[in-house]
Amino acid sequence: VFTHPISLGASKQEIMQLAQLGCYIELTYLHVLLQVVKISQILEIIREVGYQKCLLTTDAFFSWTPPAPEMFRMYIGFLNFYGLEPDVIRQMIYENPRKLLGIDQEEVDK
C-alpha cells in the first residue's frame, strides 16, 4: 500500500508505476480536510490508476477531526458529487481492502 502519495510529492508516473507493480494507492480524506490535497487530485489519481488499485480511507485519528464515519460520509459525498458511481466507490472502500487482506467473499457472506 502506497499511503499519501500526493502529499508525499510522488509524481503521477511514480504512482502509476507502483500501481502497475501491484501496489494499492491509498487516498485519505484527512489531507483534503486539511487542504493539503484537492479533491480534484484524488479524482485524477483514481481515473489514471484505476479504481481497482485504489483504497479510500479517512485517516481520522485526531481528536479535533470529525468522527471517522462522518469523515467517510463527507468523502463519499464529494466523490459522488463529482461523478464517481456508487459501485466504483464501493470497490475502493470495500472490495479492494477485502482483497488486500485476503478475505474471501464467502467468509464475509457467512
N, C-alpha and C. Protein backbone atom coordinates (compact mmCIF):
# COMPACT_ATOMS: atom_id res chain seq x y z
N VAL A 1 0.85 -1.18 0.00
CA VAL A 1 0.00 0.00 0.00
C VAL A 1 0.89 1.23 0.00
N PHE A 2 0.64 2.13 -0.94
CA PHE A 2 1.35 3.40 -1.00
C PHE A 2 0.42 4.45 -0.41
N THR A 3 0.75 4.90 0.80
CA THR A 3 -0.09 5.83 1.54
C THR A 3 0.35 7.28 1.30
N HIS A 4 -0.61 8.16 1.14
CA HIS A 4 -0.39 9.60 0.99
C HIS A 4 0.51 9.95 -0.21
N PRO A 5 0.31 9.38 -1.36
CA PRO A 5 1.24 9.63 -2.47
C PRO A 5 1.27 11.09 -2.91
N ILE A 6 0.14 11.75 -2.90
CA ILE A 6 0.10 13.14 -3.38
C ILE A 6 0.82 14.05 -2.40
N SER A 7 0.48 13.93 -1.11
CA SER A 7 1.09 14.82 -0.12
C SER A 7 2.57 14.52 0.09
N LEU A 8 3.00 13.31 -0.27
CA LEU A 8 4.43 12.98 -0.19
C LEU A 8 5.21 13.46 -1.40
N GLY A 9 4.48 13.98 -2.40
CA GLY A 9 5.14 14.54 -3.56
C GLY A 9 5.46 13.56 -4.67
N ALA A 10 4.83 12.39 -4.64
CA ALA A 10 5.07 11.41 -5.71
C ALA A 10 4.50 11.95 -7.03
N SER A 11 5.22 11.70 -8.09
CA SER A 11 4.74 12.11 -9.41
C SER A 11 3.66 11.14 -9.88
N LYS A 12 2.88 11.58 -10.84
CA LYS A 12 1.87 10.68 -11.41
C LYS A 12 2.52 9.43 -11.98
N GLN A 13 3.67 9.62 -12.60
CA GLN A 13 4.39 8.48 -13.19
C GLN A 13 4.80 7.49 -12.10
N GLU A 14 5.30 7.98 -10.98
CA GLU A 14 5.70 7.10 -9.88
C GLU A 14 4.48 6.35 -9.32
N ILE A 15 3.39 7.06 -9.15
CA ILE A 15 2.17 6.43 -8.64
C ILE A 15 1.69 5.35 -9.60
N MET A 16 1.70 5.66 -10.88
CA MET A 16 1.28 4.69 -11.90
C MET A 16 2.19 3.47 -11.89
N GLN A 17 3.49 3.68 -11.80
CA GLN A 17 4.44 2.57 -11.80
C GLN A 17 4.21 1.65 -10.61
N LEU A 18 4.00 2.23 -9.45
CA LEU A 18 3.78 1.42 -8.25
C LEU A 18 2.47 0.64 -8.35
N ALA A 19 1.45 1.27 -8.90
CA ALA A 19 0.17 0.56 -9.09
C ALA A 19 0.35 -0.60 -10.07
N GLN A 20 1.11 -0.38 -11.14
CA GLN A 20 1.36 -1.44 -12.11
C GLN A 20 2.16 -2.59 -11.50
N LEU A 21 2.96 -2.29 -10.48
CA LEU A 21 3.74 -3.33 -9.80
C LEU A 21 2.90 -4.07 -8.75
N GLY A 22 1.66 -3.64 -8.57
CA GLY A 22 0.76 -4.33 -7.65
C GLY A 22 0.40 -3.58 -6.40
N CYS A 23 0.94 -2.40 -6.22
CA CYS A 23 0.61 -1.61 -5.02
C CYS A 23 -0.81 -1.05 -5.13
N TYR A 24 -1.45 -0.99 -3.98
CA TYR A 24 -2.70 -0.24 -3.89
C TYR A 24 -2.32 1.19 -3.49
N ILE A 25 -3.03 2.15 -4.04
CA ILE A 25 -2.78 3.55 -3.76
C ILE A 25 -3.83 4.03 -2.76
N GLU A 26 -3.38 4.42 -1.57
CA GLU A 26 -4.30 4.86 -0.52
C GLU A 26 -4.49 6.37 -0.60
N LEU A 27 -5.74 6.75 -0.70
CA LEU A 27 -6.10 8.16 -0.82
C LEU A 27 -6.94 8.54 0.40
N THR A 28 -6.39 9.37 1.26
CA THR A 28 -7.05 9.68 2.53
C THR A 28 -7.78 11.02 2.48
N TYR A 29 -8.87 11.08 3.22
CA TYR A 29 -9.67 12.30 3.26
C TYR A 29 -9.07 13.36 4.16
N LEU A 30 -8.28 12.97 5.15
CA LEU A 30 -7.72 13.94 6.07
C LEU A 30 -6.96 15.04 5.33
N HIS A 31 -6.21 14.66 4.31
CA HIS A 31 -5.43 15.67 3.58
C HIS A 31 -6.33 16.61 2.77
N VAL A 32 -7.50 16.13 2.38
CA VAL A 32 -8.46 17.02 1.72
C VAL A 32 -9.01 17.99 2.76
N LEU A 33 -9.37 17.45 3.92
CA LEU A 33 -9.89 18.28 5.02
C LEU A 33 -8.89 19.36 5.42
N LEU A 34 -7.61 19.01 5.44
CA LEU A 34 -6.55 19.96 5.80
C LEU A 34 -6.15 20.87 4.64
N GLN A 35 -6.75 20.67 3.49
CA GLN A 35 -6.48 21.43 2.27
C GLN A 35 -5.03 21.30 1.80
N VAL A 36 -4.45 20.13 2.06
CA VAL A 36 -3.13 19.79 1.55
C VAL A 36 -3.27 19.17 0.17
N VAL A 37 -4.38 18.46 -0.03
CA VAL A 37 -4.70 17.79 -1.29
C VAL A 37 -6.09 18.23 -1.72
N LYS A 38 -6.25 18.46 -3.00
CA LYS A 38 -7.57 18.83 -3.53
C LYS A 38 -8.32 17.58 -3.96
N ILE A 39 -9.64 17.64 -3.86
CA ILE A 39 -10.45 16.51 -4.29
C ILE A 39 -10.22 16.22 -5.77
N SER A 40 -9.91 17.25 -6.55
CA SER A 40 -9.63 17.05 -7.98
C SER A 40 -8.38 16.19 -8.17
N GLN A 41 -7.40 16.31 -7.28
CA GLN A 41 -6.20 15.48 -7.37
C GLN A 41 -6.53 14.02 -7.05
N ILE A 42 -7.39 13.81 -6.09
CA ILE A 42 -7.84 12.46 -5.74
C ILE A 42 -8.54 11.84 -6.95
N LEU A 43 -9.45 12.58 -7.54
CA LEU A 43 -10.20 12.08 -8.70
C LEU A 43 -9.26 11.76 -9.86
N GLU A 44 -8.27 12.59 -10.06
CA GLU A 44 -7.31 12.38 -11.15
C GLU A 44 -6.53 11.08 -10.94
N ILE A 45 -6.09 10.83 -9.73
CA ILE A 45 -5.36 9.59 -9.44
C ILE A 45 -6.27 8.39 -9.64
N ILE A 46 -7.49 8.47 -9.16
CA ILE A 46 -8.43 7.36 -9.33
C ILE A 46 -8.63 7.06 -10.81
N ARG A 47 -8.80 8.09 -11.61
CA ARG A 47 -9.04 7.89 -13.05
C ARG A 47 -7.80 7.37 -13.77
N GLU A 48 -6.63 7.84 -13.37
CA GLU A 48 -5.40 7.43 -14.05
C GLU A 48 -4.93 6.05 -13.62
N VAL A 49 -4.98 5.78 -12.33
CA VAL A 49 -4.51 4.49 -11.81
C VAL A 49 -5.57 3.42 -12.04
N GLY A 50 -6.83 3.81 -11.90
CA GLY A 50 -7.93 2.87 -11.97
C GLY A 50 -8.42 2.56 -10.57
N TYR A 51 -9.71 2.59 -10.39
CA TYR A 51 -10.28 2.39 -9.06
C TYR A 51 -10.00 0.99 -8.51
N GLN A 52 -9.64 0.06 -9.37
CA GLN A 52 -9.33 -1.30 -8.92
C GLN A 52 -8.06 -1.34 -8.08
N LYS A 53 -7.25 -0.30 -8.15
CA LYS A 53 -5.98 -0.26 -7.41
C LYS A 53 -5.95 0.86 -6.36
N CYS A 54 -7.11 1.41 -6.01
CA CYS A 54 -7.14 2.50 -5.03
C CYS A 54 -7.90 2.08 -3.77
N LEU A 55 -7.46 2.64 -2.66
CA LEU A 55 -8.13 2.47 -1.37
C LEU A 55 -8.51 3.85 -0.86
N LEU A 56 -9.71 3.97 -0.33
CA LEU A 56 -10.15 5.23 0.27
C LEU A 56 -10.20 5.06 1.78
N THR A 57 -9.57 5.98 2.48
CA THR A 57 -9.58 5.94 3.94
C THR A 57 -9.77 7.36 4.47
N THR A 58 -10.09 7.47 5.76
CA THR A 58 -10.27 8.79 6.37
C THR A 58 -8.98 9.29 6.99
N ASP A 59 -8.21 8.40 7.59
CA ASP A 59 -7.02 8.75 8.36
C ASP A 59 -7.44 9.63 9.55
N ALA A 60 -8.62 9.36 10.08
CA ALA A 60 -9.17 10.15 11.19
C ALA A 60 -8.69 9.56 12.51
N PHE A 61 -7.78 10.26 13.14
CA PHE A 61 -7.34 9.81 14.45
C PHE A 61 -7.09 10.97 15.40
N PHE A 62 -7.19 12.18 14.91
CA PHE A 62 -7.03 13.35 15.77
C PHE A 62 -8.34 13.62 16.51
N SER A 63 -8.24 14.16 17.71
CA SER A 63 -9.44 14.45 18.49
C SER A 63 -10.24 15.60 17.89
N TRP A 64 -9.61 16.44 17.07
CA TRP A 64 -10.29 17.60 16.52
C TRP A 64 -10.97 17.33 15.18
N THR A 65 -10.75 16.16 14.60
CA THR A 65 -11.42 15.85 13.33
C THR A 65 -12.83 15.35 13.59
N PRO A 66 -13.69 15.44 12.58
CA PRO A 66 -15.00 14.81 12.74
C PRO A 66 -14.80 13.30 12.98
N PRO A 67 -15.78 12.63 13.58
CA PRO A 67 -15.66 11.18 13.75
C PRO A 67 -15.43 10.50 12.40
N ALA A 68 -14.72 9.38 12.44
CA ALA A 68 -14.37 8.68 11.20
C ALA A 68 -15.59 8.39 10.32
N PRO A 69 -16.73 7.92 10.86
CA PRO A 69 -17.87 7.67 9.98
C PRO A 69 -18.36 8.94 9.27
N GLU A 70 -18.31 10.08 9.97
CA GLU A 70 -18.73 11.34 9.35
C GLU A 70 -17.73 11.76 8.27
N MET A 71 -16.44 11.59 8.54
CA MET A 71 -15.45 11.93 7.52
C MET A 71 -15.62 11.05 6.29
N PHE A 72 -15.91 9.76 6.51
CA PHE A 72 -16.13 8.86 5.38
C PHE A 72 -17.35 9.29 4.59
N ARG A 73 -18.41 9.68 5.29
CA ARG A 73 -19.63 10.13 4.62
C ARG A 73 -19.32 11.37 3.76
N MET A 74 -18.55 12.30 4.31
CA MET A 74 -18.19 13.50 3.57
C MET A 74 -17.37 13.16 2.32
N TYR A 75 -16.41 12.26 2.49
CA TYR A 75 -15.52 11.85 1.40
C TYR A 75 -16.34 11.21 0.28
N ILE A 76 -17.18 10.26 0.65
CA ILE A 76 -18.02 9.57 -0.33
C ILE A 76 -18.96 10.57 -1.00
N GLY A 77 -19.50 11.51 -0.23
CA GLY A 77 -20.38 12.52 -0.80
C GLY A 77 -19.69 13.37 -1.84
N PHE A 78 -18.46 13.81 -1.54
CA PHE A 78 -17.68 14.59 -2.51
C PHE A 78 -17.44 13.80 -3.78
N LEU A 79 -16.98 12.57 -3.63
CA LEU A 79 -16.66 11.75 -4.80
C LEU A 79 -17.89 11.48 -5.64
N ASN A 80 -19.00 11.23 -4.98
CA ASN A 80 -20.26 11.00 -5.70
C ASN A 80 -20.71 12.28 -6.40
N PHE A 81 -20.60 13.41 -5.73
CA PHE A 81 -20.97 14.70 -6.31
C PHE A 81 -20.17 14.98 -7.57
N TYR A 82 -18.89 14.60 -7.57
CA TYR A 82 -18.02 14.86 -8.72
C TYR A 82 -18.04 13.73 -9.74
N GLY A 83 -19.04 12.84 -9.64
CA GLY A 83 -19.29 11.91 -10.72
C GLY A 83 -18.87 10.47 -10.55
N LEU A 84 -18.28 10.09 -9.43
CA LEU A 84 -17.94 8.68 -9.26
C LEU A 84 -19.19 7.89 -8.91
N GLU A 85 -19.37 6.79 -9.59
CA GLU A 85 -20.54 5.95 -9.38
C GLU A 85 -20.43 5.20 -8.05
N PRO A 86 -21.58 4.92 -7.42
CA PRO A 86 -21.57 4.18 -6.15
C PRO A 86 -20.81 2.85 -6.23
N ASP A 87 -20.91 2.14 -7.33
CA ASP A 87 -20.19 0.86 -7.46
C ASP A 87 -18.68 1.05 -7.46
N VAL A 88 -18.23 2.14 -8.05
CA VAL A 88 -16.79 2.45 -8.08
C VAL A 88 -16.31 2.79 -6.67
N ILE A 89 -17.09 3.59 -5.96
CA ILE A 89 -16.74 3.96 -4.59
C ILE A 89 -16.73 2.72 -3.71
N ARG A 90 -17.74 1.87 -3.86
CA ARG A 90 -17.81 0.64 -3.06
C ARG A 90 -16.56 -0.23 -3.30
N GLN A 91 -16.12 -0.30 -4.54
CA GLN A 91 -14.92 -1.09 -4.86
C GLN A 91 -13.73 -0.60 -4.03
N MET A 92 -13.58 0.72 -3.91
CA MET A 92 -12.41 1.28 -3.24
C MET A 92 -12.50 1.24 -1.72
N ILE A 93 -13.73 1.20 -1.17
CA ILE A 93 -13.85 1.20 0.29
C ILE A 93 -14.16 -0.18 0.86
N TYR A 94 -14.57 -1.11 0.00
CA TYR A 94 -14.95 -2.43 0.49
C TYR A 94 -14.19 -3.56 -0.21
N GLU A 95 -14.35 -3.64 -1.52
CA GLU A 95 -13.78 -4.77 -2.27
C GLU A 95 -12.25 -4.78 -2.25
N ASN A 96 -11.64 -3.64 -2.53
CA ASN A 96 -10.17 -3.61 -2.59
C ASN A 96 -9.53 -3.92 -1.23
N PRO A 97 -10.02 -3.33 -0.13
CA PRO A 97 -9.43 -3.71 1.17
C PRO A 97 -9.65 -5.20 1.49
N ARG A 98 -10.82 -5.73 1.14
CA ARG A 98 -11.10 -7.15 1.39
C ARG A 98 -10.09 -8.01 0.64
N LYS A 99 -9.86 -7.70 -0.62
CA LYS A 99 -8.89 -8.46 -1.42
C LYS A 99 -7.48 -8.32 -0.86
N LEU A 100 -7.11 -7.12 -0.50
CA LEU A 100 -5.78 -6.86 0.04
C LEU A 100 -5.54 -7.66 1.32
N LEU A 101 -6.56 -7.77 2.15
CA LEU A 101 -6.45 -8.51 3.40
C LEU A 101 -6.62 -10.02 3.21
N GLY A 102 -6.94 -10.44 2.00
CA GLY A 102 -7.10 -11.87 1.72
C GLY A 102 -8.36 -12.46 2.32
N ILE A 103 -9.39 -11.64 2.46
CA ILE A 103 -10.66 -12.11 2.99
C ILE A 103 -11.54 -12.57 1.84
N ASP A 104 -11.90 -13.82 1.84
CA ASP A 104 -12.74 -14.40 0.80
C ASP A 104 -14.17 -13.89 0.96
N GLN A 105 -14.83 -13.59 -0.16
CA GLN A 105 -16.21 -13.10 -0.11
C GLN A 105 -17.13 -14.09 0.59
N GLU A 106 -16.86 -15.38 0.46
CA GLU A 106 -17.69 -16.38 1.13
C GLU A 106 -17.61 -16.24 2.65
N GLU A 107 -16.45 -15.86 3.17
CA GLU A 107 -16.30 -15.63 4.60
C GLU A 107 -17.15 -14.44 5.04
N VAL A 108 -17.20 -13.42 4.21
CA VAL A 108 -17.98 -12.22 4.52
C VAL A 108 -19.46 -12.55 4.53
N ASP A 109 -19.88 -13.42 3.62
CA ASP A 109 -21.30 -13.75 3.49
C ASP A 109 -21.82 -14.62 4.63
N LYS A 110 -20.91 -15.24 5.40
CA LYS A 110 -21.34 -16.14 6.49
C LYS A 110 -22.00 -15.39 7.61
